[in-house]
Amino acid sequence: MLPEYLDRFNQTLESFRQRFPAKAWSDEFSQSLINDFSFYSTRIEEEAIEYGDTIKFLKDELVRKVF
């Protein structure tokens, strides 16, 4: 049996998959999802990073050092 928070996550994920089936994703939506996921997951570790820095990094551009 999974912990409650994992059950809620799975329910949310299934709801997302039903509402936005991957086969119907446009290239723009896919890229936006990648950008947003990358930004927010990095933001957990480094509060000073900006959205534009994440996009530049994903496009193989230099990211300024924030330390």
N, C-alpha and C. Protein backbone atom coordinates (compact mmCIF):
# COMPACT_ATOMS: atom_id res chain seq x y z
N MET A 1 0.85 -1.18 0.00
CA MET A 1 0.00 0.00 0.00
C MET A 1 0.89 1.25 0.00
N LEU A 2 0.56 2.17 -0.88
CA LEU A 2 1.33 3.40 -0.99
C LEU A 2 0.93 4.42 0.07
N PRO A 3 1.86 5.27 0.46
CA PRO A 3 1.49 6.37 1.37
C PRO A 3 0.46 7.27 0.68
N GLU A 4 -0.29 7.96 1.47
CA GLU A 4 -1.37 8.82 0.95
C GLU A 4 -0.87 9.85 -0.06
N TYR A 5 0.29 10.45 0.20
CA TYR A 5 0.78 11.49 -0.71
C TYR A 5 1.12 10.90 -2.08
N LEU A 6 1.56 9.65 -2.14
CA LEU A 6 1.83 9.03 -3.43
C LEU A 6 0.54 8.65 -4.15
N ASP A 7 -0.47 8.23 -3.40
CA ASP A 7 -1.78 7.99 -4.01
C ASP A 7 -2.33 9.26 -4.63
N ARG A 8 -2.22 10.37 -3.89
CA ARG A 8 -2.70 11.66 -4.43
C ARG A 8 -1.91 12.05 -5.67
N PHE A 9 -0.59 11.83 -5.65
CA PHE A 9 0.23 12.14 -6.82
C PHE A 9 -0.22 11.30 -8.02
N ASN A 10 -0.42 10.01 -7.81
CA ASN A 10 -0.85 9.14 -8.90
C ASN A 10 -2.21 9.55 -9.45
N GLN A 11 -3.11 9.95 -8.58
CA GLN A 11 -4.42 10.42 -9.02
C GLN A 11 -4.30 11.69 -9.85
N THR A 12 -3.46 12.59 -9.40
CA THR A 12 -3.23 13.84 -10.13
C THR A 12 -2.58 13.57 -11.48
N LEU A 13 -1.60 12.68 -11.49
CA LEU A 13 -0.94 12.33 -12.75
C LEU A 13 -1.93 11.70 -13.73
N GLU A 14 -2.77 10.81 -13.27
CA GLU A 14 -3.76 10.19 -14.14
C GLU A 14 -4.75 11.21 -14.67
N SER A 15 -5.16 12.13 -13.82
CA SER A 15 -6.06 13.21 -14.26
C SER A 15 -5.40 14.05 -15.34
N PHE A 16 -4.12 14.37 -15.16
CA PHE A 16 -3.38 15.14 -16.16
C PHE A 16 -3.30 14.37 -17.48
N ARG A 17 -2.99 13.09 -17.40
CA ARG A 17 -2.89 12.26 -18.61
C ARG A 17 -4.21 12.17 -19.36
N GLN A 18 -5.31 12.12 -18.64
CA GLN A 18 -6.61 12.08 -19.29
C GLN A 18 -6.96 13.41 -19.94
N ARG A 19 -6.61 14.47 -19.26
CA ARG A 19 -6.93 15.81 -19.78
C ARG A 19 -6.01 16.22 -20.93
N PHE A 20 -4.74 15.80 -20.86
CA PHE A 20 -3.75 16.17 -21.86
C PHE A 20 -3.02 14.92 -22.36
N PRO A 21 -3.67 14.09 -23.19
CA PRO A 21 -2.99 12.88 -23.68
C PRO A 21 -1.73 13.24 -24.47
N ALA A 22 -0.65 12.53 -24.19
CA ALA A 22 0.65 12.84 -24.79
C ALA A 22 0.61 12.85 -26.32
N LYS A 23 -0.19 12.02 -26.91
CA LYS A 23 -0.27 11.97 -28.37
C LYS A 23 -0.79 13.28 -28.95
N ALA A 24 -1.55 14.03 -28.17
CA ALA A 24 -2.14 15.28 -28.64
C ALA A 24 -1.27 16.50 -28.36
N TRP A 25 -0.12 16.29 -27.69
CA TRP A 25 0.73 17.42 -27.34
C TRP A 25 1.38 18.01 -28.59
N SER A 26 1.31 19.33 -28.69
CA SER A 26 2.04 20.02 -29.75
C SER A 26 3.50 20.13 -29.33
N ASP A 27 4.36 20.44 -30.28
CA ASP A 27 5.77 20.65 -29.95
C ASP A 27 5.92 21.80 -28.96
N GLU A 28 5.11 22.83 -29.15
CA GLU A 28 5.17 24.00 -28.26
C GLU A 28 4.78 23.61 -26.82
N PHE A 29 3.73 22.81 -26.68
CA PHE A 29 3.31 22.38 -25.35
C PHE A 29 4.37 21.51 -24.70
N SER A 30 4.95 20.58 -25.47
CA SER A 30 6.00 19.70 -24.94
C SER A 30 7.19 20.51 -24.46
N GLN A 31 7.60 21.49 -25.25
CA GLN A 31 8.74 22.31 -24.87
C GLN A 31 8.43 23.15 -23.63
N SER A 32 7.22 23.66 -23.57
CA SER A 32 6.81 24.44 -22.40
C SER A 32 6.81 23.57 -21.14
N LEU A 33 6.35 22.35 -21.26
CA LEU A 33 6.34 21.43 -20.12
C LEU A 33 7.75 21.13 -19.65
N ILE A 34 8.66 20.90 -20.58
CA ILE A 34 10.07 20.65 -20.24
C ILE A 34 10.68 21.87 -19.56
N ASN A 35 10.43 23.04 -20.14
CA ASN A 35 10.97 24.29 -19.57
C ASN A 35 10.46 24.51 -18.15
N ASP A 36 9.15 24.39 -17.97
CA ASP A 36 8.56 24.64 -16.65
C ASP A 36 9.04 23.62 -15.62
N PHE A 37 9.07 22.34 -15.99
CA PHE A 37 9.53 21.31 -15.06
C PHE A 37 10.98 21.57 -14.67
N SER A 38 11.81 21.88 -15.65
CA SER A 38 13.23 22.14 -15.37
C SER A 38 13.40 23.34 -14.45
N PHE A 39 12.66 24.40 -14.74
CA PHE A 39 12.77 25.61 -13.93
C PHE A 39 12.34 25.36 -12.49
N TYR A 40 11.15 24.80 -12.31
CA TYR A 40 10.64 24.65 -10.94
C TYR A 40 11.40 23.60 -10.15
N SER A 41 11.89 22.55 -10.79
CA SER A 41 12.67 21.57 -10.04
C SER A 41 14.03 22.16 -9.64
N THR A 42 14.60 23.00 -10.50
CA THR A 42 15.86 23.66 -10.17
C THR A 42 15.62 24.74 -9.12
N ARG A 43 14.51 25.39 -9.19
CA ARG A 43 14.18 26.47 -8.26
C ARG A 43 14.12 25.96 -6.81
N ILE A 44 13.76 24.70 -6.64
CA ILE A 44 13.74 24.11 -5.30
C ILE A 44 15.13 24.15 -4.68
N GLU A 45 16.14 23.91 -5.51
CA GLU A 45 17.52 23.88 -5.02
C GLU A 45 18.19 25.25 -5.00
N GLU A 46 17.84 26.10 -5.93
CA GLU A 46 18.50 27.40 -6.07
C GLU A 46 17.46 28.49 -6.29
N GLU A 47 17.14 29.22 -5.24
CA GLU A 47 16.08 30.23 -5.31
C GLU A 47 16.42 31.39 -6.24
N ALA A 48 17.70 31.64 -6.47
CA ALA A 48 18.09 32.81 -7.25
C ALA A 48 17.98 32.61 -8.76
N ILE A 49 17.79 31.37 -9.20
CA ILE A 49 17.74 31.15 -10.65
C ILE A 49 16.46 31.74 -11.23
N GLU A 50 16.59 32.30 -12.42
CA GLU A 50 15.44 32.90 -13.09
C GLU A 50 15.00 32.01 -14.25
N TYR A 51 13.76 32.18 -14.66
CA TYR A 51 13.20 31.35 -15.73
C TYR A 51 14.04 31.44 -17.00
N GLY A 52 14.47 32.63 -17.34
CA GLY A 52 15.29 32.83 -18.54
C GLY A 52 16.62 32.09 -18.47
N ASP A 53 17.19 31.99 -17.27
CA ASP A 53 18.44 31.23 -17.10
C ASP A 53 18.22 29.76 -17.44
N THR A 54 17.09 29.23 -17.01
CA THR A 54 16.76 27.83 -17.29
C THR A 54 16.64 27.62 -18.79
N ILE A 55 15.96 28.52 -19.47
CA ILE A 55 15.77 28.39 -20.92
C ILE A 55 17.11 28.45 -21.63
N LYS A 56 17.98 29.39 -21.23
CA LYS A 56 19.30 29.50 -21.84
C LYS A 56 20.11 28.22 -21.63
N PHE A 57 20.04 27.65 -20.42
CA PHE A 57 20.75 26.41 -20.14
C PHE A 57 20.24 25.29 -21.03
N LEU A 58 18.92 25.18 -21.16
CA LEU A 58 18.35 24.12 -21.99
C LEU A 58 18.70 24.28 -23.46
N LYS A 59 18.99 25.50 -23.87
CA LYS A 59 19.38 25.75 -25.26
C LYS A 59 20.90 25.78 -25.43
N ASP A 60 21.62 25.20 -24.45
CA ASP A 60 23.08 25.10 -24.49
C ASP A 60 23.78 26.44 -24.46
N GLU A 61 23.16 27.43 -23.84
CA GLU A 61 23.81 28.71 -23.69
C GLU A 61 24.39 28.83 -22.29
N LEU A 62 25.25 29.78 -22.12
CA LEU A 62 25.91 29.99 -20.83
C LEU A 62 24.92 30.54 -19.80
N VAL A 63 25.00 30.03 -18.60
CA VAL A 63 24.17 30.52 -17.50
C VAL A 63 25.12 31.23 -16.54
N ARG A 64 24.73 32.40 -16.10
CA ARG A 64 25.58 33.17 -15.18
C ARG A 64 25.67 32.44 -13.85
N LYS A 65 26.82 32.58 -13.24
CA LYS A 65 27.03 31.96 -11.94
C LYS A 65 26.33 32.79 -10.88
N VAL A 66 25.52 32.14 -10.02
CA VAL A 66 24.72 32.87 -9.04
C VAL A 66 25.25 32.72 -7.62
N PHE A 67 26.36 32.07 -7.42
CA PHE A 67 26.87 31.92 -6.06
C PHE A 67 27.72 33.11 -5.73
